[in-house]
């Protein structure tokens, strides 16, 4: 389970870094359509991070049993 936890932690970090990249890109864009697409991608990364965090919690709870 330790390896699974580490992979989930890495996934969380990747999602967080990708979201930050998209936020920086969003701030530099001027085209409204491009900004709309990037805003959706930011939301998707937030959702992915939340999912991986929930998975990590589930794994940690399984370890306690």
N, C-alpha and C. Protein backbone atom coordinates (compact mmCIF):
# COMPACT_ATOMS: atom_id res chain seq x y z
N UNK A 1 0.82 -1.21 0.00
CA UNK A 1 0.00 0.00 0.00
C UNK A 1 0.85 1.27 0.00
N UNK A 2 2.07 1.13 0.52
CA UNK A 2 2.94 2.30 0.57
C UNK A 2 3.20 2.85 -0.83
N UNK A 3 3.42 1.94 -1.79
CA UNK A 3 3.67 2.37 -3.17
C UNK A 3 2.44 3.06 -3.76
N UNK A 4 1.27 2.54 -3.47
CA UNK A 4 0.02 3.14 -3.95
C UNK A 4 -0.13 4.55 -3.37
N UNK A 5 0.14 4.70 -2.09
CA UNK A 5 0.04 6.02 -1.45
C UNK A 5 1.00 7.01 -2.09
N UNK A 6 2.21 6.57 -2.37
CA UNK A 6 3.20 7.46 -3.00
C UNK A 6 2.76 7.86 -4.40
N UNK A 7 2.22 6.92 -5.14
CA UNK A 7 1.72 7.23 -6.48
C UNK A 7 0.57 8.23 -6.42
N UNK A 8 -0.32 8.06 -5.47
CA UNK A 8 -1.44 8.99 -5.32
C UNK A 8 -0.94 10.38 -4.93
N UNK A 9 0.06 10.44 -4.05
CA UNK A 9 0.63 11.73 -3.67
C UNK A 9 1.28 12.41 -4.87
N UNK A 10 1.95 11.61 -5.71
CA UNK A 10 2.54 12.17 -6.92
C UNK A 10 1.46 12.69 -7.86
N UNK A 11 0.38 11.93 -7.99
CA UNK A 11 -0.72 12.34 -8.85
C UNK A 11 -1.33 13.66 -8.37
N UNK A 12 -1.48 13.80 -7.07
CA UNK A 12 -2.01 15.04 -6.49
C UNK A 12 -1.10 16.20 -6.84
N UNK A 13 0.18 16.00 -6.69
CA UNK A 13 1.15 17.07 -7.00
C UNK A 13 1.13 17.43 -8.49
N UNK A 14 1.03 16.43 -9.34
CA UNK A 14 0.97 16.68 -10.78
C UNK A 14 -0.27 17.50 -11.12
N UNK A 15 -1.41 17.12 -10.56
CA UNK A 15 -2.65 17.87 -10.82
C UNK A 15 -2.53 19.31 -10.33
N UNK A 16 -1.94 19.49 -9.16
CA UNK A 16 -1.76 20.83 -8.59
C UNK A 16 -0.84 21.67 -9.49
N UNK A 17 0.25 21.08 -9.93
CA UNK A 17 1.20 21.81 -10.79
C UNK A 17 0.57 22.15 -12.14
N UNK A 18 -0.19 21.21 -12.68
CA UNK A 18 -0.84 21.45 -13.97
C UNK A 18 -1.87 22.57 -13.84
N UNK A 19 -2.61 22.55 -12.74
CA UNK A 19 -3.61 23.61 -12.50
C UNK A 19 -2.93 24.97 -12.41
N UNK A 20 -1.82 25.04 -11.71
CA UNK A 20 -1.08 26.31 -11.59
C UNK A 20 -0.58 26.78 -12.95
N UNK A 21 -0.13 25.84 -13.77
CA UNK A 21 0.31 26.19 -15.13
C UNK A 21 -0.86 26.80 -15.91
N UNK A 22 -2.01 26.14 -15.85
CA UNK A 22 -3.18 26.65 -16.56
C UNK A 22 -3.60 28.02 -16.04
N UNK A 23 -3.49 28.24 -14.74
CA UNK A 23 -3.85 29.55 -14.18
C UNK A 23 -2.92 30.64 -14.73
N UNK A 24 -1.65 30.35 -14.82
CA UNK A 24 -0.70 31.33 -15.37
C UNK A 24 -1.00 31.59 -16.83
N UNK A 25 -1.30 30.52 -17.56
CA UNK A 25 -1.65 30.67 -18.97
C UNK A 25 -2.92 31.49 -19.12
N UNK A 26 -3.92 31.21 -18.31
CA UNK A 26 -5.19 31.93 -18.34
C UNK A 26 -4.96 33.44 -18.16
N UNK A 27 -4.09 33.79 -17.22
CA UNK A 27 -3.81 35.20 -16.95
C UNK A 27 -3.15 35.91 -18.13
N UNK A 28 -2.46 35.17 -18.95
CA UNK A 28 -1.74 35.77 -20.08
C UNK A 28 -2.57 35.83 -21.37
N UNK A 29 -3.63 35.04 -21.40
CA UNK A 29 -4.46 34.98 -22.60
C UNK A 29 -5.38 36.20 -22.71
N UNK A 30 -5.65 36.58 -23.95
CA UNK A 30 -6.59 37.67 -24.20
C UNK A 30 -7.85 37.18 -24.90
N UNK A 31 -7.72 36.10 -25.65
CA UNK A 31 -8.84 35.56 -26.41
C UNK A 31 -9.88 34.94 -25.46
N UNK A 32 -11.11 35.44 -25.49
CA UNK A 32 -12.15 34.93 -24.58
C UNK A 32 -12.44 33.44 -24.75
N UNK A 33 -12.41 32.95 -25.97
CA UNK A 33 -12.67 31.53 -26.21
C UNK A 33 -11.56 30.66 -25.63
N UNK A 34 -10.33 31.10 -25.80
CA UNK A 34 -9.19 30.36 -25.24
C UNK A 34 -9.27 30.36 -23.71
N UNK A 35 -9.63 31.51 -23.15
CA UNK A 35 -9.76 31.60 -21.69
C UNK A 35 -10.86 30.67 -21.18
N UNK A 36 -11.93 30.56 -21.93
CA UNK A 36 -13.04 29.69 -21.57
C UNK A 36 -12.58 28.23 -21.51
N UNK A 37 -11.80 27.82 -22.49
CA UNK A 37 -11.27 26.45 -22.54
C UNK A 37 -10.33 26.20 -21.37
N UNK A 38 -9.44 27.15 -21.12
CA UNK A 38 -8.47 26.98 -20.04
C UNK A 38 -9.18 26.95 -18.68
N UNK A 39 -10.22 27.75 -18.55
CA UNK A 39 -10.98 27.75 -17.29
C UNK A 39 -11.59 26.36 -17.04
N UNK A 40 -12.08 25.72 -18.09
CA UNK A 40 -12.61 24.36 -17.96
C UNK A 40 -11.51 23.39 -17.54
N UNK A 41 -10.33 23.56 -18.13
CA UNK A 41 -9.21 22.68 -17.79
C UNK A 41 -8.79 22.87 -16.33
N UNK A 42 -8.82 24.10 -15.87
CA UNK A 42 -8.49 24.37 -14.46
C UNK A 42 -9.46 23.63 -13.55
N UNK A 43 -10.73 23.69 -13.88
CA UNK A 43 -11.76 22.99 -13.09
C UNK A 43 -11.54 21.48 -13.12
N UNK A 44 -11.18 20.95 -14.28
CA UNK A 44 -10.93 19.52 -14.38
C UNK A 44 -9.75 19.10 -13.49
N UNK A 45 -8.71 19.91 -13.49
CA UNK A 45 -7.55 19.59 -12.65
C UNK A 45 -7.93 19.63 -11.17
N UNK A 46 -8.77 20.58 -10.79
CA UNK A 46 -9.25 20.65 -9.40
C UNK A 46 -10.03 19.38 -9.06
N UNK A 47 -10.87 18.94 -9.98
CA UNK A 47 -11.66 17.73 -9.76
C UNK A 47 -10.76 16.50 -9.64
N UNK A 48 -9.75 16.43 -10.51
CA UNK A 48 -8.82 15.30 -10.45
C UNK A 48 -8.08 15.27 -9.12
N UNK A 49 -7.62 16.43 -8.68
CA UNK A 49 -6.89 16.50 -7.41
C UNK A 49 -7.80 16.03 -6.26
N UNK A 50 -9.02 16.48 -6.27
CA UNK A 50 -9.97 16.07 -5.23
C UNK A 50 -10.17 14.56 -5.25
N UNK A 51 -10.33 13.99 -6.43
CA UNK A 51 -10.51 12.55 -6.56
C UNK A 51 -9.31 11.78 -6.01
N UNK A 52 -8.10 12.21 -6.37
CA UNK A 52 -6.90 11.53 -5.87
C UNK A 52 -6.77 11.67 -4.36
N UNK A 53 -7.16 12.81 -3.82
CA UNK A 53 -7.13 12.98 -2.36
C UNK A 53 -8.10 12.03 -1.68
N UNK A 54 -9.29 11.87 -2.26
CA UNK A 54 -10.27 10.94 -1.71
C UNK A 54 -9.76 9.51 -1.78
N UNK A 55 -9.09 9.17 -2.88
CA UNK A 55 -8.52 7.84 -3.02
C UNK A 55 -7.43 7.60 -1.97
N UNK A 56 -6.61 8.62 -1.74
CA UNK A 56 -5.55 8.51 -0.73
C UNK A 56 -6.14 8.28 0.65
N UNK A 57 -7.18 9.01 0.97
CA UNK A 57 -7.84 8.83 2.27
C UNK A 57 -8.40 7.41 2.38
N UNK A 58 -8.98 6.91 1.31
CA UNK A 58 -9.54 5.56 1.33
C UNK A 58 -8.44 4.52 1.57
N UNK A 59 -7.30 4.69 0.92
CA UNK A 59 -6.18 3.78 1.10
C UNK A 59 -5.68 3.83 2.54
N UNK A 60 -5.57 5.03 3.07
CA UNK A 60 -5.11 5.18 4.45
C UNK A 60 -6.07 4.53 5.44
N UNK A 61 -7.37 4.65 5.18
CA UNK A 61 -8.36 4.01 6.04
C UNK A 61 -8.28 2.48 5.94
N UNK A 62 -8.00 1.97 4.77
CA UNK A 62 -7.85 0.52 4.60
C UNK A 62 -6.63 0.01 5.39
N UNK A 63 -5.60 0.81 5.45
CA UNK A 63 -4.39 0.42 6.18
C UNK A 63 -4.65 0.31 7.68
N UNK A 64 -5.56 1.14 8.17
CA UNK A 64 -5.86 1.15 9.60
C UNK A 64 -6.58 -0.11 10.06
N UNK A 65 -7.23 -0.79 9.13
CA UNK A 65 -8.02 -1.99 9.49
C UNK A 65 -7.14 -3.20 9.65
